[in-house]
Amino acid sequence: SLKRVASLGSMKRVASGAGINAMIRAKSTSSSNLESMQKDNIKSQDNLSNLSSAVENANNEKQKLYEDSKESENDTIDDNSFRQRLLRGVTTILRSRLLMTIFTYNALFATTSVLLS
């Protein structure tokens, strides 16, 4: 609540019972909030350790798969014939809009330069 002081012409705050009770309630809730935050912190640390162990397991499995794929690569015969490389190149060009644009532009430039010469 506010009370007007005549001599200063300003408002001063006057403490009331409701304000004091609110402060006491705020202190008690802040201590309980602190306890709950500490409990949450412990839970998050547990979750973090579980997450780190899961990441380690995933990395181990990834390493195993990589080693297995290296072994299987050695078993297969690498057949990079001219026809296969050409087919891969053409499919890459057809799938890429940028490459299609470049090749179309080059083809148009070549035909117009031939027609104009």
PDB file of N, CA and C in Angstrom:
ATOM      1  N   SER A   1       0.842  -1.185   0.000  1.00  0.00           N
ATOM      2  CA  SER A   1       0.000   0.000   0.000  1.00  0.00           C
ATOM      3  C   SER A   1       0.885   1.246   0.000  1.00  0.00           C
ATOM      4  N   LEU A   2       0.371   2.314  -0.550  1.00  0.00           N
ATOM      5  CA  LEU A   2       1.119   3.560  -0.657  1.00  0.00           C
ATOM      6  C   LEU A   2       0.487   4.621   0.234  1.00  0.00           C
ATOM      7  N   LYS A   3       1.330   5.481   0.802  1.00  0.00           N
ATOM      8  CA  LYS A   3       0.838   6.545   1.672  1.00  0.00           C
ATOM      9  C   LYS A   3       1.458   7.853   1.216  1.00  0.00           C
ATOM     10  N   ARG A   4       0.683   8.867   1.116  1.00  0.00           N
ATOM     11  CA  ARG A   4       1.171  10.170   0.667  1.00  0.00           C
ATOM     12  C   ARG A   4       1.758  10.927   1.859  1.00  0.00           C
ATOM     13  N   VAL A   5       2.975  11.413   1.643  1.00  0.00           N
ATOM     14  CA  VAL A   5       3.620  12.213   2.673  1.00  0.00           C
ATOM     15  C   VAL A   5       3.515  13.666   2.229  1.00  0.00           C
ATOM     16  N   ALA A   6       2.913  14.517   3.076  1.00  0.00           N
ATOM     17  CA  ALA A   6       2.609  15.898   2.689  1.00  0.00           C
ATOM     18  C   ALA A   6       3.860  16.734   2.518  1.00  0.00           C
ATOM     19  N   SER A   7       4.870  16.503   3.341  1.00  0.00           N
ATOM     20  CA  SER A   7       6.033  17.383   3.302  1.00  0.00           C
ATOM     21  C   SER A   7       6.866  17.193   2.043  1.00  0.00           C
ATOM     22  N   LEU A   8       7.007  15.957   1.575  1.00  0.00           N
ATOM     23  CA  LEU A   8       7.838  15.707   0.421  1.00  0.00           C
ATOM     24  C   LEU A   8       7.062  15.713  -0.884  1.00  0.00           C
ATOM     25  N   GLY A   9       5.778  15.552  -0.822  1.00  0.00           N
ATOM     26  CA  GLY A   9       4.973  15.523  -2.038  1.00  0.00           C
ATOM     27  C   GLY A   9       5.253  14.295  -2.886  1.00  0.00           C
ATOM     28  N   SER A  10       5.701  13.195  -2.298  1.00  0.00           N
ATOM     29  CA  SER A  10       5.985  11.971  -3.041  1.00  0.00           C
ATOM     30  C   SER A  10       5.299  10.801  -2.366  1.00  0.00           C
ATOM     31  N   MET A  11       5.333   9.682  -3.036  1.00  0.00           N
ATOM     32  CA  MET A  11       4.697   8.490  -2.486  1.00  0.00           C
ATOM     33  C   MET A  11       5.762   7.621  -1.827  1.00  0.00           C
ATOM     34  N   LYS A  12       5.453   7.128  -0.654  1.00  0.00           N
ATOM     35  CA  LYS A  12       6.363   6.219   0.035  1.00  0.00           C
ATOM     36  C   LYS A  12       5.665   4.886   0.213  1.00  0.00           C
ATOM     37  N   ARG A  13       6.462   3.842   0.224  1.00  0.00           N
ATOM     38  CA  ARG A  13       5.906   2.515   0.401  1.00  0.00           C
ATOM     39  C   ARG A  13       5.809   2.227   1.890  1.00  0.00           C
ATOM     40  N   VAL A  14       4.671   1.701   2.296  1.00  0.00           N
ATOM     41  CA  VAL A  14       4.465   1.328   3.688  1.00  0.00           C
ATOM     42  C   VAL A  14       4.247  -0.171   3.728  1.00  0.00           C
ATOM     43  N   ALA A  15       5.024  -0.850   4.550  1.00  0.00           N
ATOM     44  CA  ALA A  15       4.920  -2.306   4.640  1.00  0.00           C
ATOM     45  C   ALA A  15       3.612  -2.692   5.286  1.00  0.00           C
ATOM     46  N   SER A  16       2.994  -3.729   4.730  1.00  0.00           N
ATOM     47  CA  SER A  16       1.765  -4.241   5.325  1.00  0.00           C
ATOM     48  C   SER A  16       1.966  -5.715   5.641  1.00  0.00           C
ATOM     49  N   GLY A  17       1.059  -6.267   6.370  1.00  0.00           N
ATOM     50  CA  GLY A  17       1.161  -7.674   6.753  1.00  0.00           C
ATOM     51  C   GLY A  17       1.132  -8.593   5.550  1.00  0.00           C
ATOM     52  N   ALA A  18       0.374  -8.235   4.514  1.00  0.00           N
ATOM     53  CA  ALA A  18       0.262  -9.076   3.319  1.00  0.00           C
ATOM     54  C   ALA A  18       1.614  -9.146   2.608  1.00  0.00           C
ATOM     55  N   GLY A  19       2.352  -8.042   2.564  1.00  0.00           N
ATOM     56  CA  GLY A  19       3.657  -8.023   1.909  1.00  0.00           C
ATOM     57  C   GLY A  19       4.664  -8.900   2.632  1.00  0.00           C
ATOM     58  N   ILE A  20       4.647  -8.867   3.944  1.00  0.00           N
ATOM     59  CA  ILE A  20       5.578  -9.684   4.734  1.00  0.00           C
ATOM     60  C   ILE A  20       5.261 -11.163   4.553  1.00  0.00           C
ATOM     61  N   ASN A  21       3.967 -11.491   4.599  1.00  0.00           N
ATOM     62  CA  ASN A  21       3.579 -12.888   4.400  1.00  0.00           C
ATOM     63  C   ASN A  21       3.985 -13.373   3.013  1.00  0.00           C
ATOM     64  N   ALA A  22       3.877 -12.509   2.016  1.00  0.00           N
ATOM     65  CA  ALA A  22       4.263 -12.891   0.663  1.00  0.00           C
ATOM     66  C   ALA A  22       5.757 -13.168   0.583  1.00  0.00           C
ATOM     67  N   MET A  23       6.543 -12.365   1.314  1.00  0.00           N
ATOM     68  CA  MET A  23       7.993 -12.584   1.326  1.00  0.00           C
ATOM     69  C   MET A  23       8.342 -13.915   1.987  1.00  0.00           C
ATOM     70  N   ILE A  24       7.667 -14.239   3.066  1.00  0.00           N
ATOM     71  CA  ILE A  24       7.923 -15.514   3.753  1.00  0.00           C
ATOM     72  C   ILE A  24       7.547 -16.674   2.843  1.00  0.00           C
ATOM     73  N   ARG A  25       6.396 -16.568   2.154  1.00  0.00           N
ATOM     74  CA  ARG A  25       5.980 -17.610   1.222  1.00  0.00           C
ATOM     75  C   ARG A  25       6.982 -17.751   0.077  1.00  0.00           C
ATOM     76  N   ALA A  26       7.488 -16.644  -0.417  1.00  0.00           N
ATOM     77  CA  ALA A  26       8.452 -16.689  -1.518  1.00  0.00           C
ATOM     78  C   ALA A  26       9.738 -17.388  -1.090  1.00  0.00           C
ATOM     79  N   LYS A  27      10.177 -17.133   0.156  1.00  0.00           N
ATOM     80  CA  LYS A  27      11.382 -17.811   0.645  1.00  0.00           C
ATOM     81  C   LYS A  27      11.166 -19.312   0.741  1.00  0.00           C
ATOM     82  N   SER A  28      10.022 -19.723   1.247  1.00  0.00           N
ATOM     83  CA  SER A  28       9.770 -21.158   1.407  1.00  0.00           C
ATOM     84  C   SER A  28       9.637 -21.840   0.044  1.00  0.00           C
ATOM     85  N   THR A  29       8.982 -21.172  -0.896  1.00  0.00           N
ATOM     86  CA  THR A  29       8.853 -21.787  -2.228  1.00  0.00           C
ATOM     87  C   THR A  29      10.186 -21.791  -2.957  1.00  0.00           C
ATOM     88  N   SER A  30      11.035 -20.787  -2.723  1.00  0.00           N
ATOM     89  CA  SER A  30      12.332 -20.780  -3.403  1.00  0.00           C
ATOM     90  C   SER A  30      13.216 -21.906  -2.891  1.00  0.00           C
ATOM     91  N   SER A  31      13.122 -22.220  -1.576  1.00  0.00           N
ATOM     92  CA  SER A  31      13.923 -23.331  -1.066  1.00  0.00           C
ATOM     93  C   SER A  31      13.405 -24.666  -1.605  1.00  0.00           C
ATOM     94  N   SER A  32      12.079 -24.801  -1.729  1.00  0.00           N
ATOM     95  CA  SER A  32      11.556 -26.032  -2.308  1.00  0.00           C
ATOM     96  C   SER A  32      11.876 -26.104  -3.797  1.00  0.00           C
ATOM     97  N   ASN A  33      11.876 -24.946  -4.481  1.00  0.00           N
ATOM     98  CA  ASN A  33      12.268 -24.924  -5.886  1.00  0.00           C
ATOM     99  C   ASN A  33      13.726 -25.313  -6.054  1.00  0.00           C
ATOM    100  N   LEU A  34      14.568 -24.874  -5.115  1.00  0.00           N
ATOM    101  CA  LEU A  34      15.984 -25.224  -5.167  1.00  0.00           C
ATOM    102  C   LEU A  34      16.169 -26.732  -5.019  1.00  0.00           C
ATOM    103  N   GLU A  35      15.422 -27.333  -4.102  1.00  0.00           N
ATOM    104  CA  GLU A  35      15.510 -28.790  -3.919  1.00  0.00           C
ATOM    105  C   GLU A  35      15.056 -29.522  -5.177  1.00  0.00           C
ATOM    106  N   SER A  36      13.970 -29.070  -5.782  1.00  0.00           N
ATOM    107  CA  SER A  36      13.488 -29.737  -6.998  1.00  0.00           C
ATOM    108  C   SER A  36      14.462 -29.535  -8.149  1.00  0.00           C
ATOM    109  N   MET A  37      15.106 -28.357  -8.195  1.00  0.00           N
ATOM    110  CA  MET A  37      16.104 -28.127  -9.244  1.00  0.00           C
ATOM    111  C   MET A  37      17.311 -29.043  -9.054  1.00  0.00           C
ATOM    112  N   GLN A  38      17.699 -29.270  -7.812  1.00  0.00           N
ATOM    113  CA  GLN A  38      18.815 -30.181  -7.545  1.00  0.00           C
ATOM    114  C   GLN A  38      18.452 -31.605  -7.964  1.00  0.00           C
ATOM    115  N   LYS A  39      17.228 -32.017  -7.689  1.00  0.00           N
ATOM    116  CA  LYS A  39      16.784 -33.348  -8.105  1.00  0.00           C
ATOM    117  C   LYS A  39      16.773 -33.462  -9.623  1.00  0.00           C
ATOM    118  N   ASP A  40      16.284 -32.416 -10.296  1.00  0.00           N
ATOM    119  CA  ASP A  40      16.274 -32.408 -11.758  1.00  0.00           C
ATOM    120  C   ASP A  40      17.690 -32.454 -12.316  1.00  0.00           C
ATOM    121  N   ASN A  41      18.617 -31.775 -11.647  1.00  0.00           N
ATOM    122  CA  ASN A  41      20.006 -31.773 -12.082  1.00  0.00           C
ATOM    123  C   ASN A  41      20.595 -33.174 -11.992  1.00  0.00           C
ATOM    124  N   ILE A  42      20.285 -33.886 -10.925  1.00  0.00           N
ATOM    125  CA  ILE A  42      20.776 -35.255 -10.773  1.00  0.00           C
ATOM    126  C   ILE A  42      20.192 -36.148 -11.856  1.00  0.00           C
ATOM    127  N   LYS A  43      18.892 -35.970 -12.148  1.00  0.00           N
ATOM    128  CA  LYS A  43      18.258 -36.749 -13.210  1.00  0.00           C
ATOM    129  C   LYS A  43      18.891 -36.453 -14.565  1.00  0.00           C
ATOM    130  N   SER A  44      19.171 -35.167 -14.834  1.00  0.00           N
ATOM    131  CA  SER A  44      19.760 -34.816 -16.120  1.00  0.00           C
ATOM    132  C   SER A  44      21.182 -35.363 -16.239  1.00  0.00           C
ATOM    133  N   GLN A  45      21.917 -35.429 -15.123  1.00  0.00           N
ATOM    134  CA  GLN A  45      23.258 -36.024 -15.156  1.00  0.00           C
ATOM    135  C   GLN A  45      23.162 -37.514 -15.470  1.00  0.00           C
ATOM    136  N   ASP A  46      22.162 -38.188 -14.895  1.00  0.00           N
ATOM    137  CA  ASP A  46      21.957 -39.600 -15.208  1.00  0.00           C
ATOM    138  C   ASP A  46      21.610 -39.774 -16.684  1.00  0.00           C
ATOM    139  N   ASN A  47      20.731 -38.916 -17.189  1.00  0.00           N
ATOM    140  CA  ASN A  47      20.356 -38.995 -18.605  1.00  0.00           C
ATOM    141  C   ASN A  47      21.557 -38.733 -19.495  1.00  0.00           C
ATOM    142  N   LEU A  48      22.416 -37.798 -19.084  1.00  0.00           N
ATOM    143  CA  LEU A  48      23.608 -37.482 -19.864  1.00  0.00           C
ATOM    144  C   LEU A  48      24.564 -38.665 -19.898  1.00  0.00           C
ATOM    145  N   SER A  49      24.730 -39.340 -18.763  1.00  0.00           N
ATOM    146  CA  SER A  49      25.622 -40.504 -18.755  1.00  0.00           C
ATOM    147  C   SER A  49      25.034 -41.637 -19.599  1.00  0.00           C
ATOM    148  N   ASN A  50      23.711 -41.804 -19.551  1.00  0.00           N
ATOM    149  CA  ASN A  50      23.080 -42.814 -20.402  1.00  0.00           C
ATOM    150  C   ASN A  50      23.252 -42.471 -21.877  1.00  0.00           C
ATOM    151  N   LEU A  51      23.126 -41.196 -22.191  1.00  0.00           N
ATOM    152  CA  LEU A  51      23.283 -40.761 -23.566  1.00  0.00           C
ATOM    153  C   LEU A  51      24.709 -40.975 -24.058  1.00  0.00           C
ATOM    154  N   SER A  52      25.680 -40.664 -23.199  1.00  0.00           N
ATOM    155  CA  SER A  52      27.072 -40.845 -23.613  1.00  0.00           C
ATOM    156  C   SER A  52      27.402 -42.317 -23.816  1.00  0.00           C
ATOM    157  N   SER A  53      26.845 -43.196 -23.000  1.00  0.00           N
ATOM    158  CA  SER A  53      27.087 -44.628 -23.206  1.00  0.00           C
ATOM    159  C   SER A  53      26.404 -45.109 -24.486  1.00  0.00           C
ATOM    160  N   ALA A  54      25.236 -44.549 -24.801  1.00  0.00           N
ATOM    161  CA  ALA A  54      24.561 -44.921 -26.045  1.00  0.00           C
ATOM    162  C   ALA A  54      25.362 -44.453 -27.255  1.00  0.00           C
ATOM    163  N   VAL A  55      25.962 -43.266 -27.159  1.00  0.00           N
ATOM    164  CA  VAL A  55      26.786 -42.752 -28.257  1.00  0.00           C
ATOM    165  C   VAL A  55      28.019 -43.631 -28.435  1.00  0.00           C
ATOM    166  N   GLU A  56      28.624 -44.051 -27.324  1.00  0.00           N
ATOM    167  CA  GLU A  56      29.790 -44.943 -27.408  1.00  0.00           C
ATOM    168  C   GLU A  56      29.415 -46.265 -28.075  1.00  0.00           C
ATOM    169  N   ASN A  57      28.264 -46.816 -27.715  1.00  0.00           N
ATOM    170  CA  ASN A  57      27.813 -48.069 -28.326  1.00  0.00           C
ATOM    171  C   ASN A  57      27.580 -47.883 -29.824  1.00  0.00           C
ATOM    172  N   ALA A  58      26.976 -46.764 -30.191  1.00  0.00           N
ATOM    173  CA  ALA A  58      26.720 -46.500 -31.610  1.00  0.00           C
ATOM    174  C   ALA A  58      28.035 -46.352 -32.375  1.00  0.00           C
ATOM    175  N   ASN A  59      29.003 -45.676 -31.765  1.00  0.00           N
ATOM    176  CA  ASN A  59      30.302 -45.525 -32.420  1.00  0.00           C
ATOM    177  C   ASN A  59      31.003 -46.870 -32.586  1.00  0.00           C
ATOM    178  N   ASN A  60      30.888 -47.731 -31.575  1.00  0.00           N
ATOM    179  CA  ASN A  60      31.492 -49.065 -31.677  1.00  0.00           C
ATOM    180  C   ASN A  60      30.852 -49.873 -32.799  1.00  0.00           C
ATOM    181  N   GLU A  61      29.526 -49.811 -32.881  1.00  0.00           N
ATOM    182  CA  GLU A  61      28.842 -50.544 -33.943  1.00  0.00           C
ATOM    183  C   GLU A  61      29.189 -49.979 -35.312  1.00  0.00           C
ATOM    184  N   LYS A  62      29.307 -48.662 -35.399  1.00  0.00           N
ATOM    185  CA  LYS A  62      29.679 -48.027 -36.656  1.00  0.00           C
ATOM    186  C   LYS A  62      31.069 -48.480 -37.087  1.00  0.00           C
ATOM    187  N   GLN A  63      31.990 -48.559 -36.123  1.00  0.00           N
ATOM    188  CA  GLN A  63      33.350 -49.013 -36.431  1.00  0.00           C
ATOM    189  C   GLN A  63      33.341 -50.461 -36.914  1.00  0.00           C
ATOM    190  N   LYS A  64      32.539 -51.300 -36.273  1.00  0.00           N
ATOM    191  CA  LYS A  64      32.441 -52.703 -36.695  1.00  0.00           C
ATOM    192  C   LYS A  64      31.894 -52.804 -38.118  1.00  0.00           C
ATOM    193  N   LEU A  65      30.841 -52.035 -38.405  1.00  0.00           N
ATOM    194  CA  LEU A  65      30.271 -52.062 -39.746  1.00  0.00           C
ATOM    195  C   LEU A  65      31.270 -51.563 -40.781  1.00  0.00           C
ATOM    196  N   TYR A  66      32.048 -50.546 -40.420  1.00  0.00           N
ATOM    197  CA  TYR A  66      33.053 -50.023 -41.339  1.00  0.00           C
ATOM    198  C   TYR A  66      34.115 -51.078 -41.630  1.00  0.00           C
ATOM    199  N   GLU A  67      34.557 -51.777 -40.582  1.00  0.00           N
ATOM    200  CA  GLU A  67      35.563 -52.822 -40.775  1.00  0.00           C
ATOM    201  C   GLU A  67      35.007 -53.970 -41.620  1.00  0.00           C
ATOM    202  N   ASP A  68      33.744 -54.339 -41.363  1.00  0.00           N
ATOM    203  CA  ASP A  68      33.112 -55.399 -42.151  1.00  0.00           C
ATOM    204  C   ASP A  68      32.980 -55.001 -43.614  1.00  0.00           C
ATOM    205  N   SER A  69      32.630 -53.725 -43.865  1.00  0.00           N
ATOM    206  CA  SER A  69      32.485 -53.287 -45.249  1.00  0.00           C
ATOM    207  C   SER A  69      33.837 -53.251 -45.947  1.00  0.00           C
ATOM    208  N   LYS A  70      34.900 -52.925 -45.215  1.00  0.00           N
ATOM    209  CA  LYS A  70      36.238 -52.946 -45.820  1.00  0.00           C
ATOM    210  C   LYS A  70      36.614 -54.363 -46.228  1.00  0.00           C
ATOM    211  N   GLU A  71      36.280 -55.320 -45.368  1.00  0.00           N
ATOM    212  CA  GLU A  71      36.580 -56.716 -45.693  1.00  0.00           C
ATOM    213  C   GLU A  71      35.796 -57.163 -46.916  1.00  0.00           C
ATOM    214  N   SER A  72      34.516 -56.763 -46.999  1.00  0.00           N
ATOM    215  CA  SER A  72      33.699 -57.171 -48.144  1.00  0.00           C
ATOM    216  C   SER A  72      34.149 -56.453 -49.414  1.00  0.00           C
ATOM    217  N   GLU A  73      34.697 -55.230 -49.286  1.00  0.00           N
ATOM    218  CA  GLU A  73      35.209 -54.522 -50.460  1.00  0.00           C
ATOM    219  C   GLU A  73      36.384 -55.271 -51.070  1.00  0.00           C
ATOM    220  N   ASN A  74      37.198 -55.846 -50.226  1.00  0.00           N
ATOM    221  CA  ASN A  74      38.348 -56.582 -50.725  1.00  0.00           C
ATOM    222  C   ASN A  74      37.926 -57.833 -51.473  1.00  0.00           C
ATOM    223  N   ASP A  75      36.765 -58.378 -51.121  1.00  0.00           N
ATOM    224  CA  ASP A  75      36.278 -59.595 -51.765  1.00  0.00           C
ATOM    225  C   ASP A  75      35.683 -59.315 -53.140  1.00  0.00           C
ATOM    226  N   THR A  76      35.080 -58.148 -53.347  1.00  0.00           N
ATOM    227  CA  THR A  76      34.419 -57.857 -54.618  1.00  0.00           C
ATOM    228  C   THR A  76      35.429 -57.349 -55.642  1.00  0.00           C
ATOM    229  N   ILE A  77      35.121 -57.598 -56.898  1.00  0.00           N
ATOM    230  CA  ILE A  77      35.972 -57.146 -57.991  1.00  0.00           C
ATOM    231  C   ILE A  77      35.467 -55.791 -58.442  1.00  0.00           C
ATOM    232  N   ASP A  78      36.349 -54.802 -58.508  1.00  0.00           N
ATOM    233  CA  ASP A  78      35.966 -53.463 -58.919  1.00  0.00           C
ATOM    234  C   ASP A  78      35.971 -53.400 -60.433  1.00  0.00           C
ATOM    235  N   ASP A  79      34.779 -53.374 -61.030  1.00  0.00           N
ATOM    236  CA  ASP A  79      34.643 -53.400 -62.484  1.00  0.00           C
ATOM    237  C   ASP A  79      34.199 -52.023 -62.954  1.00  0.00           C
ATOM    238  N   ASN A  80      35.162 -51.121 -63.168  1.00  0.00           N
ATOM    239  CA  ASN A  80      34.851 -49.787 -63.652  1.00  0.00           C
ATOM    240  C   ASN A  80      35.149 -49.711 -65.135  1.00  0.00           C
ATOM    241  N   SER A  81      34.272 -50.278 -65.914  1.00  0.00           N
ATOM    242  CA  SER A  81      34.475 -50.210 -67.356  1.00  0.00           C
ATOM    243  C   SER A  81      34.069 -48.830 -67.857  1.00  0.00           C
ATOM    244  N   PHE A  82      34.455 -48.503 -69.078  1.00  0.00           N
ATOM    245  CA  PHE A  82      34.121 -47.206 -69.662  1.00  0.00           C
ATOM    246  C   PHE A  82      32.619 -47.011 -69.742  1.00  0.00           C
ATOM    247  N   ARG A  83      31.910 -48.071 -70.102  1.00  0.00           N
ATOM    248  CA  ARG A  83      30.455 -47.988 -70.247  1.00  0.00           C
ATOM    249  C   ARG A  83      29.795 -47.664 -68.908  1.00  0.00           C
ATOM    250  N   GLN A  84      30.244 -48.310 -67.819  1.00  0.00           N
ATOM    251  CA  GLN A  84      29.652 -48.053 -66.499  1.00  0.00           C
ATOM    252  C   GLN A  84      29.937 -46.629 -66.040  1.00  0.00           C
ATOM    253  N   ARG A  85      31.150 -46.149 -66.240  1.00  0.00           N
ATOM    254  CA  ARG A  85      31.485 -44.786 -65.845  1.00  0.00           C
ATOM    255  C   ARG A  85      30.695 -43.764 -66.651  1.00  0.00           C
ATOM    256  N   LEU A  86      30.536 -44.024 -67.955  1.00  0.00           N
ATOM    257  CA  LEU A  86      29.760 -43.124 -68.798  1.00  0.00           C
ATOM    258  C   LEU A  86      28.305 -43.082 -68.353  1.00  0.00           C
ATOM    259  N   LEU A  87      27.747 -44.257 -68.049  1.00  0.00           N
ATOM    260  CA  LEU A  87      26.361 -44.325 -67.586  1.00  0.00           C
ATOM    261  C   LEU A  87      26.192 -43.594 -66.259  1.00  0.00           C
ATOM    262  N   ARG A  88      27.145 -43.760 -65.340  1.00  0.00           N
ATOM    263  CA  ARG A  88      27.081 -43.047 -64.061  1.00  0.00           C
ATOM    264  C   ARG A  88      27.154 -41.543 -64.279  1.00  0.00           C
ATOM    265  N   GLY A  89      28.022 -41.097 -65.174  1.00  0.00           N
ATOM    266  CA  GLY A  89      28.140 -39.673 -65.462  1.00  0.00           C
ATOM    267  C   GLY A  89      26.870 -39.093 -66.039  1.00  0.00           C
ATOM    268  N   VAL A  90      26.263 -39.807 -66.984  1.00  0.00           N
ATOM    269  CA  VAL A  90      25.030 -39.322 -67.605  1.00  0.00           C
ATOM    270  C   VAL A  90      23.901 -39.266 -66.585  1.00  0.00           C
ATOM    271  N   THR A  91      23.767 -40.284 -65.751  1.00  0.00           N
ATOM    272  CA  THR A  91      22.690 -40.263 -64.741  1.00  0.00           C
ATOM    273  C   THR A  91      22.918 -39.151 -63.734  1.00  0.00           C
ATOM    274  N   THR A  92      24.180 -38.878 -63.384  1.00  0.00           N
ATOM    275  CA  THR A  92      24.467 -37.767 -62.471  1.00  0.00           C
ATOM    276  C   THR A  92      24.057 -36.448 -63.095  1.00  0.00           C
ATOM    277  N   ILE A  93      24.370 -36.265 -64.364  1.00  0.00           N
ATOM    278  CA  ILE A  93      24.005 -35.025 -65.057  1.00  0.00           C
ATOM    279  C   ILE A  93      22.489 -34.883 -65.141  1.00  0.00           C
ATOM    280  N   LEU A  94      21.796 -35.978 -65.445  1.00  0.00           N
ATOM    281  CA  LEU A  94      20.341 -35.907 -65.576  1.00  0.00           C
ATOM    282  C   LEU A  94      19.659 -35.625 -64.239  1.00  0.00           C
ATOM    283  N   ARG A  95      20.245 -36.062 -63.152  1.00  0.00           N
ATOM    284  CA  ARG A  95      19.641 -35.828 -61.833  1.00  0.00           C
ATOM    285  C   ARG A  95      19.905 -34.427 -61.305  1.00  0.00           C
ATOM    286  N   SER A  96      20.972 -33.790 -61.771  1.00  0.00           N
ATOM    287  CA  SER A  96      21.351 -32.482 -61.248  1.00  0.00           C
ATOM    288  C   SER A  96      20.831 -31.379 -62.159  1.00  0.00           C
ATOM    289  N   ARG A  97      20.030 -30.468 -61.608  1.00  0.00           N
ATOM    290  CA  ARG A  97      19.496 -29.355 -62.398  1.00  0.00           C
ATOM    291  C   ARG A  97      20.605 -28.414 -62.841  1.00  0.00           C
ATOM    292  N   LEU A  98      21.575 -28.195 -61.956  1.00  0.00           N
ATOM    293  CA  LEU A  98      22.665 -27.288 -62.299  1.00  0.00           C
ATOM    294  C   LEU A  98      23.471 -27.829 -63.469  1.00  0.00           C
ATOM    295  N   LEU A  99      23.811 -29.108 -63.406  1.00  0.00           N
ATOM    296  CA  LEU A  99      24.587 -29.696 -64.504  1.00  0.00           C
ATOM    297  C   LEU A  99      23.783 -29.725 -65.796  1.00  0.00           C
ATOM    298  N   MET A 100      22.480 -29.997 -65.690  1.00  0.00           N
ATOM    299  CA  MET A 100      21.640 -29.978 -66.887  1.00  0.00           C
ATOM    300  C   MET A 100      21.612 -28.575 -67.498  1.00  0.00           C
ATOM    301  N   THR A 101      21.544 -27.561 -66.671  1.00  0.00           N
ATOM    302  CA  THR A 101      21.543 -26.185 -67.158  1.00  0.00           C
ATOM    303  C   THR A 101      22.852 -25.866 -67.869  1.00  0.00           C
ATOM    304  N   ILE A 102      23.964 -26.276 -67.269  1.00  0.00           N
ATOM    305  CA  ILE A 102      25.275 -26.003 -67.870  1.00  0.00           C
ATOM    306  C   ILE A 102      25.406 -26.703 -69.221  1.00  0.00           C
ATOM    307  N   PHE A 103      25.033 -27.975 -69.265  1.00  0.00           N
ATOM    308  CA  PHE A 103      25.169 -28.712 -70.525  1.00  0.00           C
ATOM    309  C   PHE A 103      24.218 -28.172 -71.591  1.00  0.00           C
ATOM    310  N   THR A 104      23.012 -27.789 -71.210  1.00  0.00           N
ATOM    311  CA  THR A 104      22.069 -27.210 -72.173  1.00  0.00           C
ATOM    312  C   THR A 104      22.600 -25.891 -72.712  1.00  0.00           C
ATOM    313  N   TYR A 105      23.130 -25.052 -71.834  1.00  0.00           N
ATOM    314  CA  TYR A 105      23.696 -23.781 -72.263  1.00  0.00           C
ATOM    315  C   TYR A 105      24.856 -24.006 -73.230  1.00  0.00           C
ATOM    316  N   ASN A 106      25.748 -24.944 -72.913  1.00  0.00           N
ATOM    317  CA  ASN A 106      26.879 -25.236 -73.794  1.00  0.00           C
ATOM    318  C   ASN A 106      26.412 -25.753 -75.152  1.00  0.00           C
ATOM    319  N   ALA A 107      25.385 -26.604 -75.135  1.00  0.00           N
ATOM    320  CA  ALA A 107      24.882 -27.141 -76.400  1.00  0.00           C
ATOM    321  C   ALA A 107      24.252 -26.035 -77.248  1.00  0.00           C
ATOM    322  N   LEU A 108      23.484 -25.157 -76.623  1.00  0.00           N
ATOM    323  CA  LEU A 108      22.876 -24.041 -77.356  1.00  0.00           C
ATOM    324  C   LEU A 108      23.942 -23.099 -77.903  1.00  0.00           C
ATOM    325  N   PHE A 109      24.968 -22.833 -77.118  1.00  0.00           N
ATOM    326  CA  PHE A 109      26.039 -21.955 -77.572  1.00  0.00           C
ATOM    327  C   PHE A 109      26.783 -22.564 -78.766  1.00  0.00           C
ATOM    328  N   ALA A 110      27.032 -23.889 -78.669  1.00  0.00           N
ATOM    329  CA  ALA A 110      27.742 -24.558 -79.758  1.00  0.00           C
ATOM    330  C   ALA A 110      26.924 -24.544 -81.043  1.00  0.00           C
ATOM    331  N   THR A 111      25.617 -24.815 -80.942  1.00  0.00           N
ATOM    332  CA  THR A 111      24.794 -24.848 -82.165  1.00  0.00           C
ATOM    333  C   THR A 111      24.648 -23.458 -82.752  1.00  0.00           C
ATOM    334  N   THR A 112      24.461 -22.428 -81.906  1.00  0.00           N
ATOM    335  CA  THR A 112      24.329 -21.075 -82.471  1.00  0.00           C
ATOM    336  C   THR A 112      25.632 -20.586 -83.078  1.00  0.00           C
ATOM    337  N   SER A 113      26.749 -20.948 -82.471  1.00  0.00           N
ATOM    338  CA  SER A 113      28.030 -20.521 -83.074  1.00  0.00           C
ATOM    339  C   SER A 113      28.283 -21.228 -84.397  1.00  0.00           C
ATOM    340  N   VAL A 114      27.836 -22.497 -84.518  1.00  0.00           N
ATOM    341  CA  VAL A 114      27.988 -23.208 -85.787  1.00  0.00           C
ATOM    342  C   VAL A 114      27.062 -22.606 -86.844  1.00  0.00           C
ATOM    343  N   LEU A 115      25.830 -22.288 -86.444  1.00  0.00           N
ATOM    344  CA  LEU A 115      24.877 -21.731 -87.405  1.00  0.00           C
ATOM    345  C   LEU A 115      25.270 -20.326 -87.872  1.00  0.00           C
ATOM    346  N   LEU A 116      25.876 -19.540 -86.982  1.00  0.00           N
ATOM    347  CA  LEU A 116      26.254 -18.174 -87.325  1.00  0.00           C
ATOM    348  C   LEU A 116      27.576 -18.102 -88.106  1.00  0.00           C
ATOM    349  N   SER A 117      28.368 -19.138 -88.099  1.00  0.00           N
ATOM    350  CA  SER A 117      29.672 -19.076 -88.776  1.00  0.00           C
ATOM    351  C   SER A 117      29.591 -19.441 -90.243  1.00  0.00           C
TER     352      SER A 117
END
